[in-house]
Amino acid sequence: MLIRNYQVSDAQAVVDVYKNAIMGIASQAYNSKQVEIWSSYPKDIDQFTKRLSMGITLVAVDSKNIAAFGQLHPANHIDLLFTAKDYSRQGYATAI
């Protein structure tokens, strides 16, 4: 596992992790309507890219894929922390 700073070129992979986490993990704790609304964000990848460029955003990478990402914004607040379902409970979010 490698933890590194988010790069703009990671945007699509990070969106994929975000949606995968919501659809695959959060669906166990939220009803289908909540999951549908939550996973519909971001509608525009440029909007999400701007958000990810604020604060401190890190990605956790296995040998080839982004498995998780997290963001501090402001610097003392966890704003985002998501792990793809296939990497859940393997320490990726903890490492971030």
Protein backbone atom coordinates (compact mmCIF):
# COMPACT_ATOMS: atom_id res chain seq x y z
CA MET A 1 0.00 0.00 0.00
CA LEU A 2 1.19 3.47 -0.90
CA ILE A 3 -0.26 6.67 0.58
CA ARG A 4 0.34 9.73 -1.55
CA ASN A 5 -1.06 13.16 -2.29
CA TYR A 6 -4.06 13.37 -4.59
CA GLN A 7 -3.30 14.47 -8.16
CA VAL A 8 -5.83 15.93 -10.59
CA SER A 9 -5.24 12.91 -12.83
CA ASP A 10 -6.72 10.76 -10.00
CA ALA A 11 -10.11 12.46 -10.22
CA GLN A 12 -12.03 9.77 -12.11
CA ALA A 13 -10.60 6.96 -9.99
CA VAL A 14 -11.49 8.86 -6.82
CA VAL A 15 -15.06 9.43 -8.06
CA ASP A 16 -15.25 5.69 -8.78
CA VAL A 17 -14.10 4.88 -5.23
CA TYR A 18 -16.62 7.36 -3.82
CA LYS A 19 -19.55 5.87 -5.73
CA ASN A 20 -18.40 2.29 -5.09
CA ALA A 21 -18.18 2.93 -1.35
CA ILE A 22 -21.64 4.44 -1.22
CA MET A 23 -23.29 1.79 -3.36
CA GLY A 24 -21.38 -1.15 -1.89
CA ILE A 25 -20.84 -0.28 1.76
CA ALA A 26 -23.17 2.56 2.79
CA SER A 27 -26.13 0.70 1.31
CA GLN A 28 -25.94 -1.57 4.36
CA ALA A 29 -26.72 1.37 6.68
CA TYR A 30 -28.91 3.66 4.57
CA ASN A 31 -32.14 3.09 2.66
CA SER A 32 -32.16 2.90 -1.13
CA LYS A 33 -33.48 6.46 -1.61
CA GLN A 34 -30.72 7.90 0.59
CA VAL A 35 -28.06 5.90 -1.27
CA GLU A 36 -29.47 6.99 -4.64
CA ILE A 37 -29.37 10.68 -3.72
CA TRP A 38 -25.96 10.46 -2.04
CA SER A 39 -24.36 8.55 -4.92
CA SER A 40 -25.69 10.98 -7.52
CA TYR A 41 -23.02 13.47 -6.41
CA PRO A 42 -20.90 14.59 -8.17
CA LYS A 43 -22.87 15.24 -11.31
CA ASP A 44 -19.89 17.16 -12.72
CA ILE A 45 -16.38 15.73 -12.28
CA ASP A 46 -14.90 19.25 -12.57
CA GLN A 47 -16.89 20.27 -9.49
CA PHE A 48 -15.52 17.28 -7.54
CA THR A 49 -11.99 17.94 -8.82
CA LYS A 50 -12.16 21.46 -7.38
CA ARG A 51 -13.37 20.09 -4.07
CA LEU A 52 -10.58 17.51 -3.95
CA SER A 53 -7.99 20.22 -4.61
CA MET A 54 -8.99 22.06 -1.45
CA GLY A 55 -7.45 21.08 1.85
CA ILE A 56 -5.22 18.03 2.13
CA THR A 57 -6.34 15.07 0.03
CA LEU A 58 -4.57 11.72 0.12
CA VAL A 59 -5.10 8.51 -1.82
CA ALA A 60 -4.24 4.95 -0.81
CA VAL A 61 -3.02 2.85 -3.72
CA ASP A 62 -2.59 -0.91 -3.87
CA SER A 63 -0.28 -2.27 -6.54
CA LYS A 64 -2.29 -0.59 -9.31
CA ASN A 65 -5.60 0.90 -8.11
CA ILE A 66 -6.74 3.70 -5.86
CA ALA A 67 -8.39 1.81 -3.02
CA ALA A 68 -9.34 4.72 -0.77
CA PHE A 69 -9.07 8.46 -0.37
CA GLY A 70 -9.47 11.00 2.37
CA GLN A 71 -9.51 14.74 2.74
CA LEU A 72 -8.85 17.15 5.57
CA HIS A 73 -10.62 20.45 5.00
CA PRO A 74 -9.98 22.58 6.94
CA ALA A 75 -6.75 21.00 8.11
CA ASN A 76 -8.24 19.81 11.42
CA HIS A 77 -11.47 18.27 10.02
CA ILE A 78 -11.99 14.98 8.17
CA ASP A 79 -14.22 16.08 5.30
CA LEU A 80 -14.10 12.93 3.14
CA LEU A 81 -12.94 9.37 3.85
CA PHE A 82 -14.05 6.58 1.51
CA THR A 83 -12.79 3.08 0.72
CA ALA A 84 -13.87 0.95 -2.24
CA LYS A 85 -15.88 -2.09 -1.18
CA ASP A 86 -13.24 -4.63 -2.27
CA TYR A 87 -10.67 -2.91 -0.02
CA SER A 88 -12.95 -2.39 2.99
CA ARG A 89 -11.64 -3.39 6.42
CA GLN A 90 -8.08 -3.85 5.18
CA GLY A 91 -6.54 -0.76 6.80
CA TYR A 92 -6.62 1.65 3.86
CA ALA A 93 -8.75 4.33 5.55
CA THR A 94 -6.80 3.91 8.79
CA ALA A 95 -3.54 4.44 6.91
CA ILE A 96 -4.84 7.65 5.39
